[in-house]
Every structure is written in C-alpha cells, then in structure tokens.
N, C-alpha and C. Protein backbone atom coordinates (compact mmCIF):
# COMPACT_ATOMS: atom_id res chain seq x y z
N GLN A 1 10.61 5.85 -17.61
CA GLN A 1 9.56 6.29 -16.70
C GLN A 1 9.12 5.10 -15.84
N VAL A 2 8.91 5.37 -14.57
CA VAL A 2 8.50 4.33 -13.63
C VAL A 2 7.00 4.35 -13.48
N ASN A 3 6.40 3.18 -13.53
CA ASN A 3 4.99 3.02 -13.21
C ASN A 3 4.87 2.03 -12.07
N LEU A 4 3.78 2.15 -11.32
CA LEU A 4 3.53 1.22 -10.22
C LEU A 4 2.35 0.34 -10.58
N VAL A 5 2.55 -0.96 -10.44
CA VAL A 5 1.49 -1.93 -10.74
C VAL A 5 0.97 -2.45 -9.42
N GLU A 6 -0.29 -2.16 -9.15
CA GLU A 6 -0.93 -2.61 -7.91
C GLU A 6 -1.83 -3.79 -8.19
N SER A 7 -1.95 -4.66 -7.21
CA SER A 7 -2.84 -5.81 -7.36
C SER A 7 -3.33 -6.24 -5.98
N GLY A 8 -4.40 -7.04 -5.97
CA GLY A 8 -4.84 -7.68 -4.74
C GLY A 8 -6.07 -7.09 -4.10
N GLY A 9 -6.61 -6.02 -4.64
CA GLY A 9 -7.83 -5.47 -4.04
C GLY A 9 -9.01 -6.39 -4.30
N GLY A 10 -10.14 -6.04 -3.71
CA GLY A 10 -11.33 -6.84 -3.93
C GLY A 10 -12.32 -6.68 -2.79
N LEU A 11 -13.15 -7.70 -2.65
CA LEU A 11 -14.22 -7.68 -1.66
C LEU A 11 -13.90 -8.66 -0.54
N ALA A 12 -14.10 -8.24 0.70
CA ALA A 12 -13.91 -9.11 1.85
C ALA A 12 -15.01 -8.85 2.86
N GLN A 13 -15.25 -9.83 3.69
CA GLN A 13 -16.19 -9.65 4.78
C GLN A 13 -15.46 -9.07 5.99
N ALA A 14 -16.20 -8.42 6.85
CA ALA A 14 -15.61 -7.92 8.09
C ALA A 14 -14.96 -9.07 8.84
N GLY A 15 -13.75 -8.82 9.32
CA GLY A 15 -12.99 -9.86 9.98
C GLY A 15 -12.09 -10.65 9.04
N GLY A 16 -12.27 -10.45 7.75
CA GLY A 16 -11.50 -11.17 6.76
C GLY A 16 -10.17 -10.50 6.47
N SER A 17 -9.50 -10.97 5.42
CA SER A 17 -8.19 -10.45 5.09
C SER A 17 -8.02 -10.30 3.59
N LEU A 18 -7.15 -9.41 3.21
CA LEU A 18 -6.74 -9.19 1.83
C LEU A 18 -5.27 -8.83 1.82
N ARG A 19 -4.63 -9.06 0.69
CA ARG A 19 -3.21 -8.72 0.54
C ARG A 19 -3.04 -7.91 -0.73
N LEU A 20 -2.49 -6.72 -0.58
CA LEU A 20 -2.21 -5.86 -1.71
C LEU A 20 -0.72 -5.94 -2.04
N SER A 21 -0.41 -5.79 -3.32
CA SER A 21 0.98 -5.76 -3.75
C SER A 21 1.22 -4.57 -4.67
N CYS A 22 2.44 -4.09 -4.66
CA CYS A 22 2.81 -2.94 -5.49
C CYS A 22 4.22 -3.19 -6.03
N THR A 23 4.34 -3.16 -7.35
CA THR A 23 5.63 -3.44 -7.99
C THR A 23 5.94 -2.34 -9.00
N PRO A 24 7.12 -1.73 -8.89
CA PRO A 24 7.52 -0.75 -9.91
C PRO A 24 7.84 -1.45 -11.22
N SER A 25 7.44 -0.83 -12.31
CA SER A 25 7.82 -1.34 -13.62
C SER A 25 8.48 -0.22 -14.40
N GLY A 26 9.26 -0.60 -15.41
CA GLY A 26 10.00 0.41 -16.15
C GLY A 26 11.38 0.61 -15.54
N ARG A 27 12.12 1.49 -16.16
CA ARG A 27 13.50 1.71 -15.73
C ARG A 27 13.54 2.42 -14.37
N ASN A 28 14.13 1.77 -13.39
CA ASN A 28 14.27 2.39 -12.08
C ASN A 28 15.37 1.70 -11.31
N PHE A 29 15.88 2.38 -10.31
CA PHE A 29 16.96 1.86 -9.48
C PHE A 29 16.45 1.33 -8.15
N GLY A 30 15.13 1.32 -8.00
CA GLY A 30 14.57 0.86 -6.76
C GLY A 30 13.93 2.00 -5.98
N PHE A 31 13.44 1.68 -4.81
CA PHE A 31 12.75 2.70 -4.03
C PHE A 31 13.51 3.05 -2.76
N ASP A 32 13.29 4.27 -2.31
CA ASP A 32 13.75 4.69 -0.99
C ASP A 32 12.66 4.39 0.03
N THR A 33 11.44 4.75 -0.32
CA THR A 33 10.28 4.38 0.50
C THR A 33 9.15 3.94 -0.40
N MET A 34 8.32 3.06 0.15
CA MET A 34 7.06 2.69 -0.50
C MET A 34 5.98 2.83 0.56
N ALA A 35 4.92 3.50 0.20
CA ALA A 35 3.86 3.74 1.17
C ALA A 35 2.50 3.40 0.57
N TRP A 36 1.58 3.11 1.43
CA TRP A 36 0.18 2.91 1.02
C TRP A 36 -0.66 4.04 1.61
N TYR A 37 -1.56 4.52 0.79
CA TYR A 37 -2.54 5.51 1.19
C TYR A 37 -3.91 4.95 0.84
N ARG A 38 -4.94 5.55 1.39
CA ARG A 38 -6.28 5.15 1.00
C ARG A 38 -7.21 6.36 0.99
N GLN A 39 -8.22 6.25 0.14
CA GLN A 39 -9.18 7.33 0.01
C GLN A 39 -10.58 6.75 -0.07
N ALA A 40 -11.38 7.07 0.95
CA ALA A 40 -12.77 6.65 0.96
C ALA A 40 -13.60 7.69 0.22
N PRO A 41 -14.78 7.32 -0.26
CA PRO A 41 -15.62 8.27 -1.01
C PRO A 41 -15.91 9.52 -0.20
N GLY A 42 -15.67 10.66 -0.80
CA GLY A 42 -15.95 11.93 -0.16
C GLY A 42 -14.96 12.34 0.92
N LYS A 43 -13.85 11.60 1.03
CA LYS A 43 -12.88 11.91 2.08
C LYS A 43 -11.51 12.19 1.47
N GLU A 44 -10.62 12.71 2.32
CA GLU A 44 -9.26 13.00 1.90
C GLU A 44 -8.48 11.68 1.76
N ARG A 45 -7.40 11.74 1.01
CA ARG A 45 -6.50 10.59 0.92
C ARG A 45 -5.65 10.56 2.17
N ASP A 46 -5.67 9.43 2.88
CA ASP A 46 -4.96 9.28 4.14
C ASP A 46 -3.81 8.30 4.01
N TRP A 47 -2.75 8.58 4.72
CA TRP A 47 -1.61 7.68 4.77
C TRP A 47 -1.96 6.47 5.63
N VAL A 48 -1.51 5.28 5.21
CA VAL A 48 -1.82 4.03 5.91
C VAL A 48 -0.56 3.42 6.52
N ALA A 49 0.48 3.25 5.71
CA ALA A 49 1.69 2.58 6.18
C ALA A 49 2.83 2.92 5.25
N VAL A 50 4.05 2.77 5.77
CA VAL A 50 5.24 3.03 4.96
C VAL A 50 6.30 1.97 5.22
N TYR A 51 7.00 1.60 4.15
CA TYR A 51 8.16 0.70 4.24
C TYR A 51 9.37 1.50 3.78
N ASN A 52 10.35 1.64 4.66
CA ASN A 52 11.59 2.33 4.31
C ASN A 52 12.64 1.31 3.90
N ARG A 53 13.40 1.65 2.89
CA ARG A 53 14.44 0.75 2.42
C ARG A 53 15.32 0.35 3.59
N GLY A 54 15.53 -0.94 3.74
CA GLY A 54 16.26 -1.45 4.89
C GLY A 54 15.35 -2.10 5.91
N GLY A 55 14.03 -1.83 5.80
CA GLY A 55 13.08 -2.58 6.59
C GLY A 55 12.30 -1.84 7.65
N ARG A 56 12.63 -0.56 7.89
CA ARG A 56 11.87 0.15 8.94
C ARG A 56 10.47 0.44 8.43
N THR A 57 9.48 0.20 9.28
CA THR A 57 8.07 0.39 8.90
C THR A 57 7.36 1.28 9.91
N ASN A 58 6.25 1.83 9.47
CA ASN A 58 5.43 2.63 10.36
C ASN A 58 3.98 2.56 9.89
N TYR A 59 3.05 2.75 10.82
CA TYR A 59 1.63 2.57 10.52
C TYR A 59 0.77 3.68 11.10
N ALA A 60 -0.33 3.95 10.43
CA ALA A 60 -1.33 4.83 11.01
C ALA A 60 -1.99 4.11 12.18
N ASP A 61 -2.42 4.87 13.16
CA ASP A 61 -3.02 4.27 14.35
C ASP A 61 -4.24 3.42 14.00
N SER A 62 -4.97 3.82 12.98
CA SER A 62 -6.21 3.13 12.62
C SER A 62 -5.98 1.71 12.12
N VAL A 63 -4.76 1.40 11.68
CA VAL A 63 -4.49 0.07 11.13
C VAL A 63 -3.43 -0.69 11.92
N LYS A 64 -2.84 -0.04 12.90
CA LYS A 64 -1.76 -0.67 13.67
C LYS A 64 -2.28 -1.94 14.34
N GLY A 65 -1.51 -3.01 14.21
CA GLY A 65 -1.91 -4.29 14.78
C GLY A 65 -2.76 -5.14 13.86
N ARG A 66 -3.27 -4.55 12.78
CA ARG A 66 -4.09 -5.30 11.82
C ARG A 66 -3.43 -5.41 10.45
N PHE A 67 -2.70 -4.39 10.05
CA PHE A 67 -2.05 -4.38 8.73
C PHE A 67 -0.55 -4.56 8.92
N THR A 68 0.06 -5.23 7.95
CA THR A 68 1.51 -5.41 7.95
C THR A 68 2.05 -5.07 6.57
N ILE A 69 3.02 -4.17 6.51
CA ILE A 69 3.67 -3.83 5.26
C ILE A 69 5.02 -4.54 5.23
N SER A 70 5.34 -5.11 4.09
CA SER A 70 6.59 -5.88 3.98
C SER A 70 7.09 -5.81 2.56
N SER A 71 8.31 -6.30 2.36
CA SER A 71 8.89 -6.32 1.04
C SER A 71 9.56 -7.67 0.80
N ASP A 72 9.79 -7.99 -0.45
CA ASP A 72 10.54 -9.19 -0.77
C ASP A 72 12.02 -8.97 -0.45
N ARG A 73 12.80 -10.03 -0.51
CA ARG A 73 14.20 -9.98 -0.09
C ARG A 73 15.01 -8.94 -0.88
N LEU A 74 14.71 -8.79 -2.16
CA LEU A 74 15.45 -7.85 -3.00
C LEU A 74 14.87 -6.44 -2.95
N GLU A 75 13.83 -6.25 -2.17
CA GLU A 75 13.16 -4.95 -2.03
C GLU A 75 12.76 -4.40 -3.40
N THR A 76 12.01 -5.24 -4.13
CA THR A 76 11.47 -4.79 -5.42
C THR A 76 9.96 -4.66 -5.39
N THR A 77 9.30 -5.40 -4.52
CA THR A 77 7.84 -5.39 -4.41
C THR A 77 7.46 -5.17 -2.95
N VAL A 78 6.42 -4.41 -2.73
CA VAL A 78 5.93 -4.18 -1.38
C VAL A 78 4.51 -4.73 -1.26
N HIS A 79 4.25 -5.36 -0.13
CA HIS A 79 2.94 -5.94 0.13
C HIS A 79 2.29 -5.25 1.32
N LEU A 80 0.99 -5.24 1.32
CA LEU A 80 0.23 -4.79 2.48
C LEU A 80 -0.75 -5.91 2.85
N GLN A 81 -0.43 -6.62 3.92
CA GLN A 81 -1.30 -7.67 4.41
C GLN A 81 -2.29 -7.05 5.36
N MET A 82 -3.57 -7.20 5.05
CA MET A 82 -4.62 -6.57 5.84
C MET A 82 -5.45 -7.65 6.52
N GLU A 83 -5.45 -7.66 7.83
CA GLU A 83 -6.18 -8.65 8.62
C GLU A 83 -7.28 -7.97 9.42
N ASN A 84 -8.24 -8.79 9.87
CA ASN A 84 -9.32 -8.27 10.70
C ASN A 84 -9.92 -7.00 10.09
N LEU A 85 -10.26 -7.10 8.82
CA LEU A 85 -10.77 -5.95 8.10
C LEU A 85 -12.10 -5.47 8.68
N LYS A 86 -12.28 -4.16 8.60
CA LYS A 86 -13.50 -3.51 9.09
C LYS A 86 -14.16 -2.76 7.93
N PRO A 87 -15.47 -2.55 7.99
CA PRO A 87 -16.14 -1.80 6.92
C PRO A 87 -15.49 -0.43 6.70
N GLU A 88 -14.97 0.19 7.75
CA GLU A 88 -14.33 1.50 7.59
C GLU A 88 -13.00 1.43 6.87
N ASP A 89 -12.51 0.24 6.57
CA ASP A 89 -11.30 0.11 5.75
C ASP A 89 -11.64 0.21 4.25
N THR A 90 -12.90 0.25 3.93
CA THR A 90 -13.33 0.37 2.53
C THR A 90 -12.81 1.67 1.93
N ALA A 91 -12.08 1.55 0.83
CA ALA A 91 -11.47 2.71 0.19
C ALA A 91 -10.75 2.26 -1.07
N VAL A 92 -10.32 3.23 -1.85
CA VAL A 92 -9.35 2.95 -2.90
C VAL A 92 -7.97 3.08 -2.28
N TYR A 93 -7.16 2.06 -2.44
CA TYR A 93 -5.82 2.05 -1.87
C TYR A 93 -4.80 2.38 -2.95
N TYR A 94 -3.91 3.32 -2.63
CA TYR A 94 -2.90 3.78 -3.57
C TYR A 94 -1.51 3.49 -3.03
N CYS A 95 -0.66 3.05 -3.91
CA CYS A 95 0.74 2.85 -3.59
C CYS A 95 1.52 4.09 -4.03
N LYS A 96 2.46 4.51 -3.21
CA LYS A 96 3.29 5.68 -3.53
C LYS A 96 4.75 5.30 -3.33
N MET A 97 5.54 5.56 -4.35
CA MET A 97 6.97 5.24 -4.32
C MET A 97 7.79 6.52 -4.35
N THR A 98 8.81 6.57 -3.51
CA THR A 98 9.83 7.62 -3.61
C THR A 98 11.07 6.93 -4.14
N THR A 99 11.52 7.36 -5.31
CA THR A 99 12.59 6.63 -5.98
C THR A 99 13.93 6.84 -5.29
N LEU A 100 14.74 5.81 -5.37
CA LEU A 100 16.10 5.85 -4.81
C LEU A 100 16.94 6.83 -5.63
N TYR A 101 17.81 7.54 -4.98
CA TYR A 101 18.77 8.51 -5.55
C TYR A 101 18.12 9.82 -5.97
N TYR A 102 17.00 9.77 -6.72
CA TYR A 102 16.43 11.00 -7.27
C TYR A 102 15.29 11.58 -6.44
N GLY A 103 14.66 10.72 -5.64
CA GLY A 103 13.58 11.22 -4.80
C GLY A 103 12.32 11.57 -5.54
N ASP A 104 12.15 11.05 -6.75
CA ASP A 104 10.91 11.30 -7.48
C ASP A 104 9.76 10.56 -6.82
N VAL A 105 8.59 11.13 -6.89
CA VAL A 105 7.40 10.51 -6.30
C VAL A 105 6.52 9.96 -7.42
N VAL A 106 6.15 8.70 -7.27
CA VAL A 106 5.31 8.03 -8.27
C VAL A 106 4.11 7.43 -7.55
N TRP A 107 2.94 7.61 -8.12
CA TRP A 107 1.71 7.05 -7.55
C TRP A 107 1.20 5.92 -8.45
N GLY A 108 0.61 4.92 -7.80
CA GLY A 108 -0.09 3.88 -8.54
C GLY A 108 -1.49 4.34 -8.92
N GLN A 109 -2.17 3.50 -9.67
CA GLN A 109 -3.50 3.87 -10.18
C GLN A 109 -4.61 3.65 -9.17
N GLY A 110 -4.32 2.91 -8.12
CA GLY A 110 -5.31 2.65 -7.09
C GLY A 110 -5.99 1.30 -7.29
N THR A 111 -6.33 0.67 -6.18
CA THR A 111 -7.05 -0.59 -6.22
C THR A 111 -8.15 -0.54 -5.16
N GLN A 112 -9.34 -0.98 -5.53
CA GLN A 112 -10.49 -0.87 -4.64
C GLN A 112 -10.50 -1.99 -3.62
N VAL A 113 -10.72 -1.63 -2.38
CA VAL A 113 -10.93 -2.59 -1.29
C VAL A 113 -12.31 -2.29 -0.69
N THR A 114 -13.16 -3.30 -0.67
CA THR A 114 -14.50 -3.15 -0.12
C THR A 114 -14.71 -4.20 0.96
N VAL A 115 -15.10 -3.74 2.14
CA VAL A 115 -15.32 -4.65 3.27
C VAL A 115 -16.79 -4.56 3.66
N SER A 116 -17.46 -5.69 3.58
CA SER A 116 -18.88 -5.74 3.92
C SER A 116 -19.07 -6.17 5.37
N SER A 117 -20.12 -5.65 5.96
CA SER A 117 -20.37 -5.96 7.39
C SER A 117 -21.21 -7.22 7.53
C-alpha cells in the first residue's frame, strides 16, 4: 500500500515563502502525476498545481507566477515552492498521487499553511 508523506507546512507572513514536499512511501513503482490541492475552512478543495511525469507542469491562475512545482531527478519526491504568500493562501494543502501503470489515486494527510497579514 502506498502512503504519501507531506512536510513543510507552517506559518509565514504575507510576502514570505514556504516549501512543501510530498514523498510516496511503501511499495510503489512511482507516480504518473503528483498534484497539490488546498482546502480553506468552509470551502471546497481546490486544485493548485500538477507535476506530470517527465516534467510538464500546470498551475491554477491564483498561484501562477508565485508557486513552483518540481521534482527531484529520479522523480520520487515532489515539492511545491510557494513565494509571495498571501493570507488567502491559508489552507490545508493536500498532495495527490496517481500511480504509474495502475492509475490508483492516493491522497496525503494534509499539511496546514497559515499566512498572516
């Protein structure tokens, strides 16, 4: 069974930066896609960014130009570098993996990001 280990959340001031990481653990062959979502209190879970195996990336308009999603050389861990943070970026951030070959979807447990004004 694959689990996702997320790290890097915390508290930042507006204009600051944070870096989130997501690493699959357990038996797996790697990912086809890794994506970040976020959910603010009382709101729906929204898609933030996606990393496709091979390096193609895409971003929600709300974070374009401020967030960067990337992976290590072996494509085992995905990072979300968040710059110029805004209070509206405050949310629980979730990592979502689509497994290679089987297409199973796995969610992480979520990590809190809080941006103070």
